[in-house]
Amino acid sequence: MSSFSRERLQEAAGPVSRETFDRLVAFEAMFQKWNRSINLVAQSTSGDVWQRHILDSAQLAGIEPDAMHWVDIGSGGGFPGLVMAFLLGDRPGASIDLVESNRKKASFLQTVVGQFSLPARVVARRIEDSHVLVSKPEIVTARALAPLSVLLDLSAPWLTSGARALFHKGRDYRAEVQESVNRWTFDLVEHPSVTDASGVILELSNVRPA
């Protein structure tokens, strides 16, 4: 089975149309071209974008198969935000906001959104300045952005209004959780990563200041 496998994608994300799979394969090639110019992800992880980044991002769709309104903060090279935008195309009416203040990365995001007509909007602002522009998301995502305590600070206006968080974290996540409970209370579900044996997706809900 090649790395570009629709079956493997569906194991991570749930049902995915053939068209969406083909569009993600095309996106991977586009990403590689841009990454050589503006370093969207570390070169050490660019050798297997499909496994390391696309499938890792796509698993969020399997965790939240019904959510319609998403926001991805610090979208960077588009993981998980752009990948979710492709997958949300299979959910009529769904959309995602991609918050990214870096101009070059925001330009990349906008180019992909336009070329593939994705149900996404690029918000080229600092996260702190984006809260008034993104109203009532159901899900807030972030990957390789900041420690959990910082993510909670950055996304608090949405999370304390009822949104849930899906944050990618690595092997040291328990220390980050312990640090965060000094300032926040929340319900926590740990979803083992389907692509990284030492990684998790932290699902946080009912977030409130401690």
N, C-alpha and C. Protein backbone atom coordinates (compact mmCIF):
# COMPACT_ATOMS: atom_id res chain seq x y z
N MET A 1 0.85 -1.20 0.00
CA MET A 1 0.00 0.00 0.00
C MET A 1 0.88 1.25 0.00
N SER A 2 0.71 2.13 -0.98
CA SER A 2 1.52 3.35 -1.03
C SER A 2 1.11 4.29 0.08
N SER A 3 2.00 5.27 0.35
CA SER A 3 1.68 6.23 1.40
C SER A 3 0.45 7.05 1.02
N PHE A 4 0.24 7.26 -0.30
CA PHE A 4 -0.93 7.99 -0.75
C PHE A 4 -2.11 7.03 -0.89
N SER A 5 -2.67 6.68 0.25
CA SER A 5 -3.70 5.65 0.28
C SER A 5 -5.00 6.24 0.79
N ARG A 6 -6.06 6.12 0.00
CA ARG A 6 -7.37 6.57 0.47
C ARG A 6 -7.83 5.74 1.65
N GLU A 7 -7.52 4.44 1.65
CA GLU A 7 -7.91 3.58 2.76
C GLU A 7 -7.26 4.06 4.06
N ARG A 8 -5.97 4.39 3.99
CA ARG A 8 -5.28 4.87 5.19
C ARG A 8 -5.85 6.21 5.65
N LEU A 9 -6.20 7.06 4.70
CA LEU A 9 -6.80 8.34 5.05
C LEU A 9 -8.13 8.14 5.76
N GLN A 10 -8.91 7.18 5.27
CA GLN A 10 -10.22 6.94 5.88
C GLN A 10 -10.09 6.28 7.24
N GLU A 11 -9.03 5.53 7.46
CA GLU A 11 -8.79 4.98 8.80
C GLU A 11 -8.58 6.10 9.81
N ALA A 12 -7.96 7.19 9.36
CA ALA A 12 -7.70 8.31 10.25
C ALA A 12 -8.88 9.25 10.37
N ALA A 13 -9.54 9.53 9.24
CA ALA A 13 -10.51 10.63 9.18
C ALA A 13 -11.96 10.19 9.10
N GLY A 14 -12.23 8.92 8.83
CA GLY A 14 -13.60 8.52 8.53
C GLY A 14 -13.85 8.60 7.04
N PRO A 15 -15.08 8.50 6.60
CA PRO A 15 -15.38 8.49 5.17
C PRO A 15 -14.84 9.72 4.44
N VAL A 16 -14.16 9.49 3.33
CA VAL A 16 -13.59 10.56 2.50
C VAL A 16 -13.90 10.24 1.05
N SER A 17 -14.45 11.20 0.33
CA SER A 17 -14.79 10.96 -1.07
C SER A 17 -13.52 10.81 -1.91
N ARG A 18 -13.67 10.13 -3.05
CA ARG A 18 -12.54 9.98 -3.98
C ARG A 18 -12.04 11.35 -4.44
N GLU A 19 -12.96 12.28 -4.70
CA GLU A 19 -12.56 13.61 -5.14
C GLU A 19 -11.72 14.32 -4.08
N THR A 20 -12.12 14.22 -2.83
CA THR A 20 -11.36 14.87 -1.77
C THR A 20 -9.99 14.24 -1.62
N PHE A 21 -9.91 12.92 -1.72
CA PHE A 21 -8.61 12.25 -1.66
C PHE A 21 -7.70 12.75 -2.77
N ASP A 22 -8.22 12.80 -3.99
CA ASP A 22 -7.40 13.25 -5.13
C ASP A 22 -6.95 14.70 -4.94
N ARG A 23 -7.81 15.53 -4.37
CA ARG A 23 -7.46 16.93 -4.14
C ARG A 23 -6.37 17.05 -3.07
N LEU A 24 -6.41 16.20 -2.06
CA LEU A 24 -5.36 16.21 -1.05
C LEU A 24 -4.02 15.75 -1.62
N VAL A 25 -4.04 14.80 -2.53
CA VAL A 25 -2.80 14.37 -3.19
C VAL A 25 -2.23 15.54 -4.00
N ALA A 26 -3.09 16.26 -4.71
CA ALA A 26 -2.64 17.43 -5.46
C ALA A 26 -2.12 18.52 -4.53
N PHE A 27 -2.76 18.69 -3.41
CA PHE A 27 -2.30 19.67 -2.43
C PHE A 27 -0.91 19.31 -1.91
N GLU A 28 -0.66 18.04 -1.67
CA GLU A 28 0.65 17.63 -1.17
C GLU A 28 1.75 18.05 -2.14
N ALA A 29 1.53 17.88 -3.43
CA ALA A 29 2.53 18.29 -4.42
C ALA A 29 2.71 19.81 -4.41
N MET A 30 1.62 20.54 -4.29
CA MET A 30 1.68 22.00 -4.23
C MET A 30 2.42 22.45 -2.98
N PHE A 31 2.14 21.80 -1.88
CA PHE A 31 2.80 22.13 -0.62
C PHE A 31 4.31 21.95 -0.74
N GLN A 32 4.73 20.85 -1.32
CA GLN A 32 6.16 20.58 -1.45
C GLN A 32 6.85 21.68 -2.25
N LYS A 33 6.20 22.15 -3.29
CA LYS A 33 6.78 23.22 -4.12
C LYS A 33 6.94 24.50 -3.32
N TRP A 34 5.91 24.89 -2.60
CA TRP A 34 5.97 26.11 -1.78
C TRP A 34 6.96 25.95 -0.64
N ASN A 35 7.02 24.78 -0.05
CA ASN A 35 7.86 24.58 1.12
C ASN A 35 9.34 24.77 0.80
N ARG A 36 9.74 24.51 -0.44
CA ARG A 36 11.12 24.72 -0.83
C ARG A 36 11.48 26.20 -0.86
N SER A 37 10.45 27.05 -0.95
CA SER A 37 10.70 28.49 -1.05
C SER A 37 10.56 29.22 0.27
N ILE A 38 9.54 28.85 1.08
CA ILE A 38 9.28 29.65 2.28
C ILE A 38 9.23 28.83 3.57
N ASN A 39 9.71 27.59 3.53
CA ASN A 39 9.83 26.79 4.76
C ASN A 39 8.54 26.77 5.58
N LEU A 40 7.53 26.15 5.03
CA LEU A 40 6.24 26.03 5.72
C LEU A 40 6.32 25.08 6.90
N VAL A 41 7.13 24.02 6.76
CA VAL A 41 7.42 23.12 7.88
C VAL A 41 8.90 22.83 7.87
N ALA A 42 9.40 22.31 8.96
CA ALA A 42 10.83 21.98 9.04
C ALA A 42 11.21 20.99 7.95
N GLN A 43 12.36 21.24 7.33
CA GLN A 43 12.80 20.35 6.25
C GLN A 43 12.97 18.92 6.73
N SER A 44 13.25 18.74 8.01
CA SER A 44 13.43 17.38 8.55
C SER A 44 12.14 16.58 8.52
N THR A 45 10.98 17.26 8.40
CA THR A 45 9.70 16.55 8.38
C THR A 45 9.03 16.61 7.02
N SER A 46 9.74 17.18 6.02
CA SER A 46 9.10 17.37 4.71
C SER A 46 9.22 16.15 3.80
N GLY A 47 9.97 15.14 4.24
CA GLY A 47 10.15 13.98 3.39
C GLY A 47 8.91 13.13 3.25
N ASP A 48 8.05 13.12 4.24
CA ASP A 48 6.82 12.35 4.19
C ASP A 48 5.67 13.22 4.69
N VAL A 49 5.30 14.19 3.88
CA VAL A 49 4.25 15.13 4.26
C VAL A 49 2.92 14.40 4.46
N TRP A 50 2.68 13.39 3.66
CA TRP A 50 1.39 12.68 3.74
C TRP A 50 1.20 12.05 5.12
N GLN A 51 2.20 11.32 5.58
CA GLN A 51 2.09 10.64 6.88
C GLN A 51 2.28 11.61 8.04
N ARG A 52 3.33 12.41 8.00
CA ARG A 52 3.71 13.24 9.14
C ARG A 52 2.76 14.41 9.36
N HIS A 53 2.14 14.91 8.30
CA HIS A 53 1.36 16.13 8.43
C HIS A 53 -0.10 15.97 7.99
N ILE A 54 -0.32 15.38 6.82
CA ILE A 54 -1.70 15.30 6.32
C ILE A 54 -2.53 14.30 7.13
N LEU A 55 -2.04 13.08 7.27
CA LEU A 55 -2.80 12.10 8.05
C LEU A 55 -2.89 12.51 9.51
N ASP A 56 -1.83 13.09 10.04
CA ASP A 56 -1.84 13.54 11.43
C ASP A 56 -2.91 14.60 11.65
N SER A 57 -3.10 15.46 10.66
CA SER A 57 -4.14 16.49 10.74
C SER A 57 -5.52 15.90 10.52
N ALA A 58 -5.64 14.96 9.57
CA ALA A 58 -6.94 14.42 9.17
C ALA A 58 -7.65 13.67 10.29
N GLN A 59 -6.90 13.17 11.25
CA GLN A 59 -7.55 12.40 12.32
C GLN A 59 -8.54 13.23 13.13
N LEU A 60 -8.42 14.56 13.08
CA LEU A 60 -9.38 15.40 13.78
C LEU A 60 -10.79 15.20 13.25
N ALA A 61 -10.90 14.95 11.95
CA ALA A 61 -12.22 14.73 11.36
C ALA A 61 -12.86 13.47 11.90
N GLY A 62 -12.05 12.47 12.23
CA GLY A 62 -12.59 11.26 12.82
C GLY A 62 -13.03 11.44 14.26
N ILE A 63 -12.39 12.38 14.97
CA ILE A 63 -12.77 12.64 16.35
C ILE A 63 -14.05 13.45 16.42
N GLU A 64 -14.21 14.41 15.50
CA GLU A 64 -15.39 15.28 15.48
C GLU A 64 -16.06 15.19 14.11
N PRO A 65 -16.80 14.12 13.84
CA PRO A 65 -17.36 13.90 12.51
C PRO A 65 -18.56 14.78 12.17
N ASP A 66 -19.11 15.48 13.15
CA ASP A 66 -20.33 16.25 12.90
C ASP A 66 -20.16 17.75 13.04
N ALA A 67 -19.05 18.23 13.60
CA ALA A 67 -18.85 19.66 13.81
C ALA A 67 -18.77 20.38 12.47
N MET A 68 -19.36 21.56 12.42
CA MET A 68 -19.47 22.29 11.15
C MET A 68 -18.64 23.57 11.10
N HIS A 69 -18.42 24.21 12.23
CA HIS A 69 -17.73 25.50 12.24
C HIS A 69 -16.45 25.38 13.06
N TRP A 70 -15.33 25.52 12.38
CA TRP A 70 -14.02 25.31 13.00
C TRP A 70 -13.18 26.57 12.89
N VAL A 71 -12.21 26.70 13.79
CA VAL A 71 -11.17 27.72 13.65
C VAL A 71 -9.83 27.08 14.01
N ASP A 72 -8.83 27.33 13.16
CA ASP A 72 -7.48 26.82 13.39
C ASP A 72 -6.58 28.00 13.67
N ILE A 73 -5.91 28.01 14.81
CA ILE A 73 -5.08 29.15 15.19
C ILE A 73 -3.61 28.85 14.92
N GLY A 74 -2.91 29.85 14.41
CA GLY A 74 -1.52 29.66 14.02
C GLY A 74 -1.40 28.63 12.92
N SER A 75 -2.16 28.83 11.84
CA SER A 75 -2.30 27.80 10.81
C SER A 75 -1.00 27.47 10.09
N GLY A 76 -0.08 28.42 10.00
CA GLY A 76 1.23 28.13 9.41
C GLY A 76 1.14 27.55 8.01
N GLY A 77 1.69 26.35 7.85
CA GLY A 77 1.66 25.68 6.55
C GLY A 77 0.37 24.96 6.24
N GLY A 78 -0.62 25.10 7.13
CA GLY A 78 -1.92 24.52 6.83
C GLY A 78 -2.28 23.25 7.56
N PHE A 79 -1.52 22.94 8.60
CA PHE A 79 -1.77 21.73 9.38
C PHE A 79 -2.15 22.08 10.81
N PRO A 80 -3.33 21.73 11.24
CA PRO A 80 -4.32 20.90 10.54
C PRO A 80 -5.34 21.67 9.71
N GLY A 81 -5.30 23.01 9.71
CA GLY A 81 -6.40 23.80 9.16
C GLY A 81 -6.74 23.54 7.71
N LEU A 82 -5.74 23.56 6.82
CA LEU A 82 -6.04 23.34 5.40
C LEU A 82 -6.54 21.92 5.16
N VAL A 83 -5.94 20.95 5.83
CA VAL A 83 -6.39 19.57 5.66
C VAL A 83 -7.85 19.45 6.08
N MET A 84 -8.21 20.07 7.18
CA MET A 84 -9.61 20.05 7.61
C MET A 84 -10.50 20.76 6.59
N ALA A 85 -10.00 21.81 5.96
CA ALA A 85 -10.79 22.50 4.95
C ALA A 85 -11.14 21.57 3.79
N PHE A 86 -10.17 20.77 3.36
CA PHE A 86 -10.45 19.78 2.32
C PHE A 86 -11.52 18.79 2.79
N LEU A 87 -11.35 18.27 3.99
CA LEU A 87 -12.28 17.26 4.50
C LEU A 87 -13.66 17.84 4.76
N LEU A 88 -13.73 19.08 5.20
CA LEU A 88 -15.03 19.70 5.45
C LEU A 88 -15.80 19.94 4.16
N GLY A 89 -15.11 19.89 3.04
CA GLY A 89 -15.80 19.98 1.76
C GLY A 89 -16.79 18.86 1.54
N ASP A 90 -16.61 17.76 2.27
CA ASP A 90 -17.56 16.64 2.21
C ASP A 90 -18.73 16.81 3.17
N ARG A 91 -18.75 17.93 3.91
CA ARG A 91 -19.86 18.23 4.83
C ARG A 91 -20.53 19.52 4.35
N PRO A 92 -21.60 19.44 3.58
CA PRO A 92 -22.24 20.65 3.05
C PRO A 92 -22.54 21.66 4.16
N GLY A 93 -22.10 22.89 3.96
CA GLY A 93 -22.35 23.95 4.92
C GLY A 93 -21.25 24.14 5.95
N ALA A 94 -20.28 23.23 6.00
CA ALA A 94 -19.20 23.35 6.97
C ALA A 94 -18.15 24.35 6.50
N SER A 95 -17.39 24.91 7.47
CA SER A 95 -16.36 25.87 7.12
C SER A 95 -15.31 25.94 8.23
N ILE A 96 -14.16 26.52 7.89
CA ILE A 96 -13.10 26.70 8.87
C ILE A 96 -12.42 28.03 8.62
N ASP A 97 -12.08 28.73 9.71
CA ASP A 97 -11.28 29.95 9.65
C ASP A 97 -9.84 29.60 9.98
N LEU A 98 -8.92 30.13 9.18
CA LEU A 98 -7.49 29.86 9.35
C LEU A 98 -6.82 31.15 9.81
N VAL A 99 -6.36 31.18 11.04
CA VAL A 99 -5.78 32.39 11.61
C VAL A 99 -4.26 32.30 11.52
N GLU A 100 -3.66 33.22 10.76
CA GLU A 100 -2.21 33.20 10.55
C GLU A 100 -1.72 34.62 10.28
N SER A 101 -0.82 35.11 11.12
CA SER A 101 -0.35 36.49 10.99
C SER A 101 0.85 36.65 10.06
N ASN A 102 1.61 35.57 9.82
CA ASN A 102 2.75 35.65 8.92
C ASN A 102 2.28 35.84 7.48
N ARG A 103 2.75 36.90 6.85
CA ARG A 103 2.22 37.25 5.53
C ARG A 103 2.50 36.19 4.48
N LYS A 104 3.70 35.65 4.47
CA LYS A 104 4.03 34.64 3.46
C LYS A 104 3.19 33.38 3.64
N LYS A 105 3.04 32.97 4.89
CA LYS A 105 2.24 31.77 5.14
C LYS A 105 0.76 32.03 4.86
N ALA A 106 0.28 33.22 5.24
CA ALA A 106 -1.11 33.56 4.94
C ALA A 106 -1.35 33.59 3.44
N SER A 107 -0.35 34.06 2.67
CA SER A 107 -0.47 34.07 1.21
C SER A 107 -0.57 32.65 0.67
N PHE A 108 0.23 31.75 1.21
CA PHE A 108 0.14 30.34 0.81
C PHE A 108 -1.24 29.79 1.11
N LEU A 109 -1.72 30.02 2.33
CA LEU A 109 -3.04 29.52 2.70
C LEU A 109 -4.11 30.04 1.74
N GLN A 110 -4.06 31.33 1.44
CA GLN A 110 -5.07 31.93 0.57
C GLN A 110 -4.99 31.36 -0.84
N THR A 111 -3.77 31.10 -1.31
CA THR A 111 -3.60 30.52 -2.64
C THR A 111 -4.24 29.13 -2.72
N VAL A 112 -4.01 28.31 -1.69
CA VAL A 112 -4.60 26.97 -1.68
C VAL A 112 -6.13 27.04 -1.59
N VAL A 113 -6.63 27.90 -0.70
CA VAL A 113 -8.07 28.05 -0.55
C VAL A 113 -8.70 28.45 -1.88
N GLY A 114 -8.07 29.39 -2.59
CA GLY A 114 -8.61 29.83 -3.86
C GLY A 114 -8.51 28.80 -4.96
N GLN A 115 -7.36 28.14 -5.05
CA GLN A 115 -7.15 27.17 -6.13
C GLN A 115 -8.09 25.98 -6.02
N PHE A 116 -8.37 25.54 -4.79
CA PHE A 116 -9.21 24.36 -4.60
C PHE A 116 -10.64 24.71 -4.18
N SER A 117 -10.95 26.00 -4.13
CA SER A 117 -12.30 26.46 -3.73
C SER A 117 -12.74 25.82 -2.42
N LEU A 118 -11.89 25.95 -1.42
CA LEU A 118 -12.14 25.31 -0.13
C LEU A 118 -13.12 26.14 0.71
N PRO A 119 -13.88 25.48 1.58
CA PRO A 119 -14.79 26.19 2.48
C PRO A 119 -14.03 26.77 3.67
N ALA A 120 -13.14 27.72 3.38
CA ALA A 120 -12.25 28.26 4.40
C ALA A 120 -12.06 29.76 4.16
N ARG A 121 -11.73 30.45 5.24
CA ARG A 121 -11.40 31.87 5.18
C ARG A 121 -10.09 32.08 5.91
N VAL A 122 -9.18 32.81 5.29
CA VAL A 122 -7.91 33.14 5.91
C VAL A 122 -8.05 34.45 6.68
N VAL A 123 -7.75 34.40 7.96
CA VAL A 123 -7.79 35.58 8.81
C VAL A 123 -6.34 35.96 9.10
N ALA A 124 -5.83 36.93 8.35
CA ALA A 124 -4.41 37.30 8.44
C ALA A 124 -4.20 38.29 9.57
N ARG A 125 -4.41 37.83 10.77
CA ARG A 125 -4.28 38.65 11.97
C ARG A 125 -3.58 37.85 13.07
N ARG A 126 -3.10 38.56 14.07
CA ARG A 126 -2.64 37.89 15.28
C ARG A 126 -3.84 37.20 15.94
N ILE A 127 -3.59 36.11 16.61
CA ILE A 127 -4.68 35.36 17.23
C ILE A 127 -5.46 36.24 18.18
N GLU A 128 -4.74 37.06 18.94
CA GLU A 128 -5.40 37.93 19.92
C GLU A 128 -6.37 38.92 19.26
N ASP A 129 -6.11 39.25 18.00
CA ASP A 129 -6.94 40.22 17.29
C ASP A 129 -8.03 39.55 16.45
N SER A 130 -8.11 38.24 16.49
CA SER A 130 -9.03 37.52 15.59
C SER A 130 -10.34 37.13 16.25
N HIS A 131 -10.43 37.27 17.57
CA HIS A 131 -11.62 36.78 18.27
C HIS A 131 -12.90 37.46 17.79
N VAL A 132 -12.83 38.75 17.52
CA VAL A 132 -14.04 39.47 17.10
C VAL A 132 -14.40 39.15 15.66
N LEU A 133 -13.47 38.57 14.91
CA LEU A 133 -13.71 38.27 13.50
C LEU A 133 -14.21 36.85 13.28
N VAL A 134 -14.04 36.00 14.26
CA VAL A 134 -14.45 34.59 14.16
C VAL A 134 -15.47 34.34 15.26
N SER A 135 -16.71 34.22 14.88
CA SER A 135 -17.77 34.13 15.89
C SER A 135 -18.25 32.70 16.08
N LYS A 136 -18.29 32.29 17.33
CA LYS A 136 -18.91 31.06 17.78
C LYS A 136 -18.48 29.80 17.03
N PRO A 137 -17.18 29.53 16.96
CA PRO A 137 -16.77 28.24 16.40
C PRO A 137 -17.15 27.11 17.34
N GLU A 138 -17.37 25.94 16.77
CA GLU A 138 -17.62 24.76 17.60
C GLU A 138 -16.31 24.13 18.06
N ILE A 139 -15.29 24.16 17.18
CA ILE A 139 -14.02 23.50 17.44
C ILE A 139 -12.88 24.47 17.20
N VAL A 140 -11.92 24.50 18.14
CA VAL A 140 -10.69 25.27 17.99
C VAL A 140 -9.54 24.28 17.88
N THR A 141 -8.70 24.44 16.86
CA THR A 141 -7.57 23.52 16.67
C THR A 141 -6.26 24.28 16.69
N ALA A 142 -5.20 23.56 17.03
CA ALA A 142 -3.84 24.11 16.98
C ALA A 142 -2.87 22.93 16.98
N ARG A 143 -1.77 23.10 16.24
CA ARG A 143 -0.78 22.03 16.14
C ARG A 143 0.61 22.66 16.11
N ALA A 144 1.47 22.17 16.99
CA ALA A 144 2.87 22.64 17.04
C ALA A 144 2.95 24.15 17.16
N LEU A 145 2.11 24.71 18.02
CA LEU A 145 2.04 26.16 18.14
C LEU A 145 2.61 26.66 19.46
N ALA A 146 2.17 26.11 20.59
CA ALA A 146 2.55 26.65 21.90
C ALA A 146 2.18 25.63 22.98
N PRO A 147 2.72 25.81 24.19
CA PRO A 147 2.31 24.95 25.31
C PRO A 147 0.81 25.09 25.57
N LEU A 148 0.24 24.08 26.21
CA LEU A 148 -1.21 24.06 26.43
C LEU A 148 -1.69 25.29 27.19
N SER A 149 -0.96 25.73 28.21
CA SER A 149 -1.40 26.89 28.98
C SER A 149 -1.52 28.12 28.09
N VAL A 150 -0.60 28.27 27.15
CA VAL A 150 -0.65 29.41 26.22
C VAL A 150 -1.80 29.26 25.25
N LEU A 151 -2.01 28.05 24.75
CA LEU A 151 -3.14 27.81 23.85
C LEU A 151 -4.46 28.16 24.52
N LEU A 152 -4.59 27.82 25.78
CA LEU A 152 -5.82 28.15 26.51
C LEU A 152 -5.99 29.66 26.63
N ASP A 153 -4.91 30.37 26.90
CA ASP A 153 -4.99 31.82 26.95
C ASP A 153 -5.42 32.39 25.60
N LEU A 154 -4.82 31.90 24.53
CA LEU A 154 -5.08 32.44 23.19
C LEU A 154 -6.50 32.15 22.71
N SER A 155 -7.04 31.02 23.11
CA SER A 155 -8.35 30.61 22.60
C SER A 155 -9.46 30.76 23.63
N ALA A 156 -9.17 31.33 24.78
CA ALA A 156 -10.14 31.44 25.87
C ALA A 156 -11.46 32.10 25.47
N PRO A 157 -11.46 33.20 24.69
CA PRO A 157 -12.75 33.82 24.34
C PRO A 157 -13.71 32.86 23.64
N TRP A 158 -13.18 31.92 22.87
CA TRP A 158 -14.04 30.93 22.21
C TRP A 158 -14.38 29.77 23.15
N LEU A 159 -13.37 29.27 23.85
CA LEU A 159 -13.58 28.08 24.68
C LEU A 159 -14.50 28.35 25.85
N THR A 160 -14.40 29.53 26.44
CA THR A 160 -15.27 29.86 27.57
C THR A 160 -16.69 30.21 27.12
N SER A 161 -16.88 30.27 25.79
CA SER A 161 -18.22 30.53 25.24
C SER A 161 -18.86 29.26 24.69
N GLY A 162 -18.21 28.11 24.94
CA GLY A 162 -18.83 26.85 24.56
C GLY A 162 -18.11 26.03 23.52
N ALA A 163 -17.08 26.58 22.88
CA ALA A 163 -16.33 25.81 21.90
C ALA A 163 -15.50 24.73 22.59
N ARG A 164 -15.16 23.70 21.84
CA ARG A 164 -14.26 22.65 22.32
C ARG A 164 -12.93 22.78 21.60
N ALA A 165 -11.87 22.32 22.24
CA ALA A 165 -10.54 22.37 21.65
C ALA A 165 -10.08 20.98 21.25
N LEU A 166 -9.37 20.92 20.14
CA LEU A 166 -8.65 19.71 19.73
C LEU A 166 -7.21 20.14 19.47
N PHE A 167 -6.33 19.84 20.41
CA PHE A 167 -4.94 20.28 20.32
C PHE A 167 -4.02 19.07 20.17
N HIS A 168 -3.20 19.08 19.11
CA HIS A 168 -2.18 18.05 18.96
C HIS A 168 -1.09 18.27 20.01
N LYS A 169 -0.68 17.19 20.66
CA LYS A 169 0.40 17.28 21.64
C LYS A 169 1.30 16.04 21.57
N GLY A 170 2.55 16.22 22.00
CA GLY A 170 3.52 15.14 21.99
C GLY A 170 3.64 14.45 23.34
N ARG A 171 4.76 13.77 23.52
CA ARG A 171 4.91 12.87 24.68
C ARG A 171 4.92 13.60 26.02
N ASP A 172 5.20 14.88 26.04
CA ASP A 172 5.27 15.62 27.31
C ASP A 172 3.95 16.31 27.66
N TYR A 173 2.87 15.85 27.08
CA TYR A 173 1.60 16.56 27.26
C TYR A 173 1.12 16.55 28.71
N ARG A 174 1.43 15.51 29.47
CA ARG A 174 0.93 15.45 30.85
C ARG A 174 1.47 16.60 31.69
N ALA A 175 2.72 16.98 31.47
CA ALA A 175 3.28 18.11 32.21
C ALA A 175 2.57 19.40 31.82
N GLU A 176 2.21 19.52 30.56
CA GLU A 176 1.50 20.72 30.11
C GLU A 176 0.10 20.78 30.72
N VAL A 177 -0.55 19.63 30.80
CA VAL A 177 -1.88 19.59 31.42
C VAL A 177 -1.78 19.98 32.89
N GLN A 178 -0.79 19.43 33.58
CA GLN A 178 -0.64 19.73 34.99
C GLN A 178 -0.39 21.21 35.23
N GLU A 179 0.41 21.81 34.37
CA GLU A 179 0.67 23.25 34.48
C GLU A 179 -0.60 24.06 34.25
N SER A 180 -1.43 23.60 33.34
CA SER A 180 -2.62 24.37 32.95
C SER A 180 -3.70 24.35 34.02
N VAL A 181 -3.79 23.27 34.79
CA VAL A 181 -4.88 23.17 35.77
C VAL A 181 -4.70 24.15 36.93
N ASN A 182 -3.55 24.79 37.02
CA ASN A 182 -3.38 25.82 38.03
C ASN A 182 -4.19 27.07 37.72
N ARG A 183 -4.53 27.24 36.44
CA ARG A 183 -5.24 28.45 36.03
C ARG A 183 -6.58 28.18 35.37
N TRP A 184 -6.80 26.94 34.92
CA TRP A 184 -8.02 26.63 34.18
C TRP A 184 -8.65 25.34 34.70
N THR A 185 -9.97 25.27 34.61
CA THR A 185 -10.66 24.00 34.82
C THR A 185 -11.27 23.58 33.49
N PHE A 186 -11.31 22.29 33.23
CA PHE A 186 -11.84 21.80 31.96
C PHE A 186 -12.06 20.30 32.04
N ASP A 187 -12.92 19.82 31.17
CA ASP A 187 -13.08 18.38 30.98
C ASP A 187 -12.09 17.96 29.90
N LEU A 188 -11.43 16.85 30.10
CA LEU A 188 -10.35 16.44 29.20
C LEU A 188 -10.55 15.01 28.73
N VAL A 189 -10.44 14.82 27.42
CA VAL A 189 -10.40 13.49 26.83
C VAL A 189 -9.10 13.38 26.04
N GLU A 190 -8.35 12.31 26.27
CA GLU A 190 -7.09 12.09 25.57
C GLU A 190 -7.32 11.07 24.45
N HIS A 191 -7.15 11.52 23.22
CA HIS A 191 -7.30 10.63 22.07
C HIS A 191 -5.90 10.23 21.59
N PRO A 192 -5.55 8.95 21.66
CA PRO A 192 -4.23 8.54 21.15
C PRO A 192 -4.09 8.89 19.67
N SER A 193 -2.94 9.42 19.29
CA SER A 193 -2.71 9.76 17.89
C SER A 193 -2.67 8.49 17.05
N VAL A 194 -3.24 8.56 15.86
CA VAL A 194 -3.22 7.40 14.96
C VAL A 194 -1.96 7.38 14.11
N THR A 195 -1.13 8.43 14.20
CA THR A 195 0.08 8.50 13.38
C THR A 195 1.35 8.56 14.20
N ASP A 196 1.24 8.81 15.51
CA ASP A 196 2.41 8.98 16.36
C ASP A 196 2.16 8.26 17.68
N ALA A 197 2.91 7.21 17.92
CA ALA A 197 2.67 6.39 19.11
C ALA A 197 2.84 7.17 20.40
N SER A 198 3.61 8.25 20.39
CA SER A 198 3.82 9.03 21.61
C SER A 198 2.97 10.29 21.65
N GLY A 199 2.13 10.49 20.63
CA GLY A 199 1.33 11.70 20.55
C GLY A 199 -0.12 11.49 20.94
N VAL A 200 -0.80 12.60 21.24
CA VAL A 200 -2.22 12.57 21.57
C VAL A 200 -2.91 13.78 20.96
N ILE A 201 -4.23 13.67 20.86
CA ILE A 201 -5.08 14.82 20.60
C ILE A 201 -5.82 15.09 21.90
N LEU A 202 -5.61 16.26 22.47
CA LEU A 202 -6.32 16.64 23.69
C LEU A 202 -7.62 17.32 23.33
N GLU A 203 -8.73 16.75 23.78
CA GLU A 203 -10.05 17.34 23.59
C GLU A 203 -10.47 18.00 24.90
N LEU A 204 -10.62 19.31 24.89
CA LEU A 204 -10.98 20.06 26.07
C LEU A 204 -12.35 20.71 25.87
N SER A 205 -13.18 20.61 26.90
CA SER A 205 -14.49 21.23 26.85
C SER A 205 -14.80 21.82 28.23
N ASN A 206 -15.87 22.62 28.29
CA ASN A 206 -16.26 23.27 29.54
C ASN A 206 -15.10 24.01 30.19
N VAL A 207 -14.38 24.76 29.40
CA VAL A 207 -13.19 25.47 29.88
C VAL A 207 -13.63 26.72 30.66
N ARG A 208 -13.06 26.87 31.85
CA ARG A 208 -13.35 28.02 32.71
C ARG A 208 -12.08 28.42 33.47
N PRO A 209 -11.94 29.69 33.83
CA PRO A 209 -10.81 30.06 34.70
C PRO A 209 -10.92 29.34 36.03
N ALA A 210 -9.80 28.95 36.58
CA ALA A 210 -9.79 28.22 37.86
C ALA A 210 -10.18 29.16 38.98
